[in-house]
Amino acid sequence: QVQLVESGGGLVQAGGSLRLSCAASGSNFKINAMGWYRQAPGEQRELVAAITSGGSTNYADSVKGRFTISRDNAKNTVYLQMNSLKPEDTAVYYCDCKARRGIYEYDYWGQGTQVTVSS
């Protein structure tokens, strides 16, 4: 099993910044891609940003230029720096990682952290 522990959510005014962190832990797993998703009330969960173990990144169009995903492979930790936040960024943010053990790859999710942006 891989455990994901998220931190960094909270309440911020529009235009402000927040930084989310997610640390993965587990024995005998290799952490591959990691990412952040979000889900607003009444909406489907959507990809915000993802990063491979090699550092290649992918962003949702709605956050390009405002959010930056990064990772520390030595710590199996992924970060999401969120700048110029908008009220429409309000959602529960979930960390996701793809972890490999042997020939199998598994998908793990964090518990979610609330981000609320006030106008």
N, C-alpha and C. Protein backbone atom coordinates (compact mmCIF):
# COMPACT_ATOMS: atom_id res chain seq x y z
N GLN A 1 0.83 -1.21 0.00
CA GLN A 1 0.00 0.00 0.00
C GLN A 1 0.86 1.25 0.00
N VAL A 2 0.36 2.28 -0.63
CA VAL A 2 1.00 3.59 -0.63
C VAL A 2 0.06 4.56 0.07
N GLN A 3 0.59 5.31 1.00
CA GLN A 3 -0.20 6.34 1.67
C GLN A 3 0.20 7.71 1.13
N LEU A 4 -0.79 8.53 0.91
CA LEU A 4 -0.57 9.90 0.43
C LEU A 4 -1.09 10.86 1.49
N VAL A 5 -0.24 11.77 1.92
CA VAL A 5 -0.62 12.75 2.93
C VAL A 5 -0.51 14.13 2.32
N GLU A 6 -1.65 14.81 2.26
CA GLU A 6 -1.72 16.12 1.64
C GLU A 6 -1.72 17.21 2.71
N SER A 7 -1.25 18.38 2.32
CA SER A 7 -1.31 19.53 3.20
C SER A 7 -1.29 20.80 2.37
N GLY A 8 -1.69 21.90 2.98
CA GLY A 8 -1.54 23.19 2.34
C GLY A 8 -2.81 23.87 1.88
N GLY A 9 -3.93 23.20 1.99
CA GLY A 9 -5.17 23.85 1.57
C GLY A 9 -5.58 24.94 2.54
N GLY A 10 -6.65 25.66 2.19
CA GLY A 10 -7.13 26.70 3.08
C GLY A 10 -7.98 27.72 2.36
N LEU A 11 -8.19 28.84 3.04
CA LEU A 11 -9.00 29.93 2.52
C LEU A 11 -8.09 31.08 2.11
N VAL A 12 -8.31 31.60 0.92
CA VAL A 12 -7.48 32.69 0.42
C VAL A 12 -8.35 33.62 -0.40
N GLN A 13 -7.98 34.87 -0.46
CA GLN A 13 -8.71 35.81 -1.29
C GLN A 13 -8.30 35.67 -2.75
N ALA A 14 -9.17 36.08 -3.62
CA ALA A 14 -8.86 36.05 -5.04
C ALA A 14 -7.58 36.83 -5.30
N GLY A 15 -6.74 36.27 -6.16
CA GLY A 15 -5.45 36.88 -6.45
C GLY A 15 -4.33 36.38 -5.56
N GLY A 16 -4.69 35.65 -4.53
CA GLY A 16 -3.70 35.14 -3.59
C GLY A 16 -3.06 33.85 -4.07
N SER A 17 -2.24 33.28 -3.19
CA SER A 17 -1.49 32.07 -3.52
C SER A 17 -1.61 31.03 -2.42
N LEU A 18 -1.50 29.78 -2.82
CA LEU A 18 -1.41 28.67 -1.90
C LEU A 18 -0.45 27.65 -2.48
N ARG A 19 0.15 26.86 -1.59
CA ARG A 19 1.02 25.78 -2.04
C ARG A 19 0.56 24.48 -1.39
N LEU A 20 0.22 23.53 -2.24
CA LEU A 20 -0.18 22.21 -1.76
C LEU A 20 1.02 21.26 -1.82
N SER A 21 1.05 20.36 -0.84
CA SER A 21 2.08 19.33 -0.82
C SER A 21 1.42 17.97 -0.65
N CYS A 22 2.07 16.95 -1.18
CA CYS A 22 1.56 15.59 -1.04
C CYS A 22 2.76 14.65 -0.96
N ALA A 23 2.89 13.97 0.16
CA ALA A 23 3.99 13.05 0.37
C ALA A 23 3.49 11.62 0.28
N ALA A 24 4.17 10.82 -0.53
CA ALA A 24 3.82 9.41 -0.71
C ALA A 24 4.78 8.54 0.09
N SER A 25 4.23 7.54 0.73
CA SER A 25 5.07 6.59 1.46
C SER A 25 4.54 5.19 1.27
N GLY A 26 5.46 4.23 1.23
CA GLY A 26 5.07 2.84 1.06
C GLY A 26 6.30 2.00 0.77
N SER A 27 6.26 0.76 1.16
CA SER A 27 7.42 -0.11 0.98
C SER A 27 7.36 -0.80 -0.37
N ASN A 28 8.53 -0.95 -0.99
CA ASN A 28 8.69 -1.75 -2.21
C ASN A 28 7.86 -1.23 -3.38
N PHE A 29 7.65 0.07 -3.40
CA PHE A 29 6.98 0.68 -4.54
C PHE A 29 7.88 1.70 -5.19
N LYS A 30 7.76 1.81 -6.48
CA LYS A 30 8.42 2.89 -7.21
C LYS A 30 7.32 3.87 -7.61
N ILE A 31 7.46 5.12 -7.19
CA ILE A 31 6.47 6.13 -7.51
C ILE A 31 6.74 6.66 -8.91
N ASN A 32 5.76 6.52 -9.77
CA ASN A 32 5.90 7.03 -11.13
C ASN A 32 5.24 8.40 -11.24
N ALA A 33 4.25 8.54 -12.06
CA ALA A 33 3.61 9.84 -12.24
C ALA A 33 2.85 10.25 -10.98
N MET A 34 2.83 11.53 -10.73
CA MET A 34 2.04 12.09 -9.64
C MET A 34 1.24 13.27 -10.18
N GLY A 35 0.16 13.57 -9.53
CA GLY A 35 -0.66 14.65 -10.04
C GLY A 35 -1.65 15.19 -9.04
N TRP A 36 -2.31 16.23 -9.45
CA TRP A 36 -3.36 16.85 -8.65
C TRP A 36 -4.64 16.92 -9.47
N TYR A 37 -5.71 16.55 -8.82
CA TYR A 37 -7.05 16.66 -9.39
C TYR A 37 -7.87 17.54 -8.45
N ARG A 38 -8.99 18.02 -8.96
CA ARG A 38 -9.88 18.77 -8.10
C ARG A 38 -11.34 18.44 -8.44
N GLN A 39 -12.17 18.64 -7.41
CA GLN A 39 -13.59 18.39 -7.60
C GLN A 39 -14.37 19.45 -6.85
N ALA A 40 -15.12 20.22 -7.61
CA ALA A 40 -16.00 21.23 -7.04
C ALA A 40 -17.37 20.61 -6.79
N PRO A 41 -18.17 21.18 -5.91
CA PRO A 41 -19.50 20.63 -5.61
C PRO A 41 -20.33 20.50 -6.88
N GLY A 42 -20.89 19.33 -7.08
CA GLY A 42 -21.73 19.09 -8.23
C GLY A 42 -21.00 18.89 -9.54
N GLU A 43 -19.67 18.86 -9.47
CA GLU A 43 -18.87 18.72 -10.69
C GLU A 43 -18.10 17.40 -10.64
N GLN A 44 -17.63 16.99 -11.81
CA GLN A 44 -16.78 15.81 -11.87
C GLN A 44 -15.35 16.16 -11.49
N ARG A 45 -14.65 15.16 -11.01
CA ARG A 45 -13.24 15.37 -10.69
C ARG A 45 -12.48 15.61 -12.00
N GLU A 46 -11.59 16.59 -11.97
CA GLU A 46 -10.84 16.93 -13.18
C GLU A 46 -9.35 17.04 -12.87
N LEU A 47 -8.56 16.73 -13.89
CA LEU A 47 -7.11 16.86 -13.76
C LEU A 47 -6.74 18.34 -13.71
N VAL A 48 -5.89 18.68 -12.75
CA VAL A 48 -5.34 20.02 -12.66
C VAL A 48 -3.94 20.04 -13.28
N ALA A 49 -3.09 19.15 -12.80
CA ALA A 49 -1.71 19.10 -13.30
C ALA A 49 -1.13 17.74 -12.95
N ALA A 50 -0.18 17.30 -13.77
CA ALA A 50 0.49 16.03 -13.54
C ALA A 50 1.96 16.17 -13.89
N ILE A 51 2.76 15.31 -13.29
CA ILE A 51 4.20 15.34 -13.54
C ILE A 51 4.73 13.91 -13.50
N THR A 52 5.57 13.59 -14.49
CA THR A 52 6.17 12.26 -14.52
C THR A 52 7.39 12.22 -13.61
N SER A 53 7.93 11.02 -13.42
CA SER A 53 9.13 10.90 -12.59
C SER A 53 10.31 11.61 -13.24
N GLY A 54 10.25 11.79 -14.55
CA GLY A 54 11.31 12.50 -15.26
C GLY A 54 11.12 14.00 -15.30
N GLY A 55 9.98 14.47 -14.80
CA GLY A 55 9.77 15.91 -14.73
C GLY A 55 8.91 16.51 -15.82
N SER A 56 8.39 15.71 -16.72
CA SER A 56 7.49 16.24 -17.75
C SER A 56 6.15 16.59 -17.10
N THR A 57 5.61 17.73 -17.51
CA THR A 57 4.39 18.22 -16.86
C THR A 57 3.24 18.38 -17.86
N ASN A 58 2.06 18.39 -17.29
CA ASN A 58 0.83 18.57 -18.07
C ASN A 58 -0.14 19.37 -17.21
N TYR A 59 -0.80 20.36 -17.81
CA TYR A 59 -1.70 21.23 -17.06
C TYR A 59 -3.06 21.33 -17.75
N ALA A 60 -4.07 21.52 -16.94
CA ALA A 60 -5.38 21.89 -17.49
C ALA A 60 -5.26 23.30 -18.04
N ASP A 61 -5.98 23.56 -19.13
CA ASP A 61 -5.91 24.88 -19.75
C ASP A 61 -6.29 25.99 -18.77
N SER A 62 -7.21 25.69 -17.87
CA SER A 62 -7.72 26.70 -16.95
C SER A 62 -6.68 27.17 -15.93
N VAL A 63 -5.60 26.41 -15.76
CA VAL A 63 -4.60 26.79 -14.74
C VAL A 63 -3.24 27.11 -15.34
N LYS A 64 -3.10 26.96 -16.64
CA LYS A 64 -1.81 27.24 -17.28
C LYS A 64 -1.40 28.68 -17.03
N GLY A 65 -0.13 28.85 -16.66
CA GLY A 65 0.37 30.18 -16.39
C GLY A 65 0.14 30.65 -14.96
N ARG A 66 -0.70 29.93 -14.21
CA ARG A 66 -0.98 30.32 -12.83
C ARG A 66 -0.50 29.27 -11.83
N PHE A 67 -0.60 28.01 -12.19
CA PHE A 67 -0.20 26.91 -11.30
C PHE A 67 1.08 26.28 -11.81
N THR A 68 1.88 25.80 -10.86
CA THR A 68 3.11 25.09 -11.21
C THR A 68 3.21 23.82 -10.38
N ILE A 69 3.37 22.70 -11.06
CA ILE A 69 3.56 21.43 -10.37
C ILE A 69 5.04 21.09 -10.37
N SER A 70 5.50 20.54 -9.25
CA SER A 70 6.90 20.12 -9.16
C SER A 70 6.96 18.92 -8.21
N ARG A 71 8.09 18.28 -8.20
CA ARG A 71 8.23 17.12 -7.31
C ARG A 71 9.66 16.98 -6.82
N ASP A 72 9.78 16.32 -5.69
CA ASP A 72 11.07 15.97 -5.13
C ASP A 72 11.10 14.45 -5.08
N ASN A 73 11.79 13.84 -6.01
CA ASN A 73 11.78 12.38 -6.12
C ASN A 73 12.41 11.72 -4.89
N ALA A 74 13.38 12.37 -4.30
CA ALA A 74 14.03 11.79 -3.12
C ALA A 74 13.06 11.68 -1.95
N LYS A 75 12.08 12.58 -1.92
CA LYS A 75 11.10 12.59 -0.84
C LYS A 75 9.76 12.03 -1.28
N ASN A 76 9.65 11.62 -2.55
CA ASN A 76 8.37 11.16 -3.09
C ASN A 76 7.26 12.16 -2.77
N THR A 77 7.55 13.40 -3.00
CA THR A 77 6.62 14.48 -2.68
C THR A 77 6.34 15.31 -3.93
N VAL A 78 5.09 15.65 -4.11
CA VAL A 78 4.68 16.51 -5.21
C VAL A 78 4.08 17.78 -4.63
N TYR A 79 4.32 18.87 -5.34
CA TYR A 79 3.85 20.18 -4.89
C TYR A 79 2.99 20.81 -5.98
N LEU A 80 2.09 21.67 -5.56
CA LEU A 80 1.31 22.46 -6.51
C LEU A 80 1.32 23.90 -6.00
N GLN A 81 2.07 24.73 -6.69
CA GLN A 81 2.08 26.16 -6.36
C GLN A 81 0.97 26.82 -7.16
N MET A 82 0.04 27.44 -6.44
CA MET A 82 -1.12 28.05 -7.08
C MET A 82 -1.07 29.55 -6.84
N ASN A 83 -0.92 30.28 -7.93
CA ASN A 83 -0.88 31.74 -7.88
C ASN A 83 -2.08 32.32 -8.60
N SER A 84 -2.33 33.59 -8.36
CA SER A 84 -3.44 34.29 -9.01
C SER A 84 -4.73 33.50 -8.91
N LEU A 85 -5.02 33.04 -7.74
CA LEU A 85 -6.18 32.18 -7.53
C LEU A 85 -7.48 32.93 -7.82
N LYS A 86 -8.43 32.18 -8.35
CA LYS A 86 -9.74 32.71 -8.71
C LYS A 86 -10.83 31.96 -7.92
N PRO A 87 -11.97 32.58 -7.74
CA PRO A 87 -13.05 31.86 -7.05
C PRO A 87 -13.40 30.53 -7.70
N GLU A 88 -13.26 30.45 -9.01
CA GLU A 88 -13.57 29.19 -9.69
C GLU A 88 -12.54 28.09 -9.44
N ASP A 89 -11.46 28.42 -8.76
CA ASP A 89 -10.50 27.39 -8.35
C ASP A 89 -10.94 26.69 -7.07
N THR A 90 -12.00 27.18 -6.46
CA THR A 90 -12.50 26.57 -5.23
C THR A 90 -12.93 25.13 -5.48
N ALA A 91 -12.38 24.22 -4.71
CA ALA A 91 -12.66 22.79 -4.87
C ALA A 91 -11.91 22.01 -3.80
N VAL A 92 -12.20 20.73 -3.74
CA VAL A 92 -11.36 19.82 -2.98
C VAL A 92 -10.28 19.31 -3.93
N TYR A 93 -9.06 19.45 -3.52
CA TYR A 93 -7.93 19.03 -4.34
C TYR A 93 -7.39 17.70 -3.84
N TYR A 94 -7.23 16.78 -4.79
CA TYR A 94 -6.78 15.42 -4.47
C TYR A 94 -5.44 15.14 -5.12
N CYS A 95 -4.57 14.56 -4.36
CA CYS A 95 -3.29 14.10 -4.88
C CYS A 95 -3.46 12.68 -5.41
N ASP A 96 -2.77 12.39 -6.49
CA ASP A 96 -2.84 11.06 -7.11
C ASP A 96 -1.43 10.60 -7.44
N CYS A 97 -1.18 9.33 -7.26
CA CYS A 97 0.11 8.83 -7.74
C CYS A 97 -0.05 7.45 -8.34
N LYS A 98 0.79 7.17 -9.30
CA LYS A 98 0.89 5.86 -9.92
C LYS A 98 2.13 5.19 -9.33
N ALA A 99 1.93 4.06 -8.67
CA ALA A 99 3.02 3.39 -7.97
C ALA A 99 3.20 1.99 -8.55
N ARG A 100 4.45 1.68 -8.84
CA ARG A 100 4.74 0.39 -9.47
C ARG A 100 5.36 -0.56 -8.46
N ARG A 101 4.87 -1.80 -8.49
CA ARG A 101 5.44 -2.87 -7.66
C ARG A 101 5.52 -4.11 -8.53
N GLY A 102 6.72 -4.52 -8.84
CA GLY A 102 6.88 -5.63 -9.76
C GLY A 102 6.43 -5.22 -11.14
N ILE A 103 5.55 -6.01 -11.74
CA ILE A 103 5.09 -5.70 -13.08
C ILE A 103 3.77 -4.93 -13.08
N TYR A 104 3.26 -4.65 -11.90
CA TYR A 104 1.97 -3.99 -11.80
C TYR A 104 2.11 -2.53 -11.38
N GLU A 105 1.20 -1.72 -11.90
CA GLU A 105 1.13 -0.32 -11.49
C GLU A 105 -0.23 -0.08 -10.85
N TYR A 106 -0.20 0.60 -9.72
CA TYR A 106 -1.41 0.86 -8.96
C TYR A 106 -1.64 2.37 -8.88
N ASP A 107 -2.90 2.74 -8.67
CA ASP A 107 -3.31 4.13 -8.58
C ASP A 107 -3.76 4.42 -7.15
N TYR A 108 -3.17 5.44 -6.55
CA TYR A 108 -3.52 5.80 -5.17
C TYR A 108 -3.95 7.25 -5.09
N TRP A 109 -4.86 7.52 -4.14
CA TRP A 109 -5.40 8.87 -3.96
C TRP A 109 -5.21 9.34 -2.53
N GLY A 110 -4.99 10.64 -2.40
CA GLY A 110 -4.99 11.24 -1.08
C GLY A 110 -6.40 11.49 -0.59
N GLN A 111 -6.50 12.00 0.63
CA GLN A 111 -7.81 12.19 1.25
C GLN A 111 -8.48 13.47 0.78
N GLY A 112 -7.73 14.33 0.14
CA GLY A 112 -8.29 15.59 -0.35
C GLY A 112 -8.05 16.73 0.63
N THR A 113 -7.84 17.91 0.07
CA THR A 113 -7.67 19.11 0.88
C THR A 113 -8.50 20.24 0.26
N GLN A 114 -9.21 20.94 1.10
CA GLN A 114 -10.12 21.97 0.61
C GLN A 114 -9.37 23.26 0.28
N VAL A 115 -9.63 23.79 -0.89
CA VAL A 115 -9.14 25.11 -1.28
C VAL A 115 -10.35 25.99 -1.55
N THR A 116 -10.43 27.09 -0.84
CA THR A 116 -11.54 28.02 -1.01
C THR A 116 -10.98 29.39 -1.34
N VAL A 117 -11.44 29.94 -2.45
CA VAL A 117 -10.99 31.26 -2.90
C VAL A 117 -12.18 32.20 -2.83
N SER A 118 -12.05 33.22 -2.01
CA SER A 118 -13.15 34.18 -1.85
C SER A 118 -12.96 35.35 -2.81
N SER A 119 -14.09 35.88 -3.24
CA SER A 119 -14.03 37.01 -4.21
C SER A 119 -13.96 38.35 -3.49
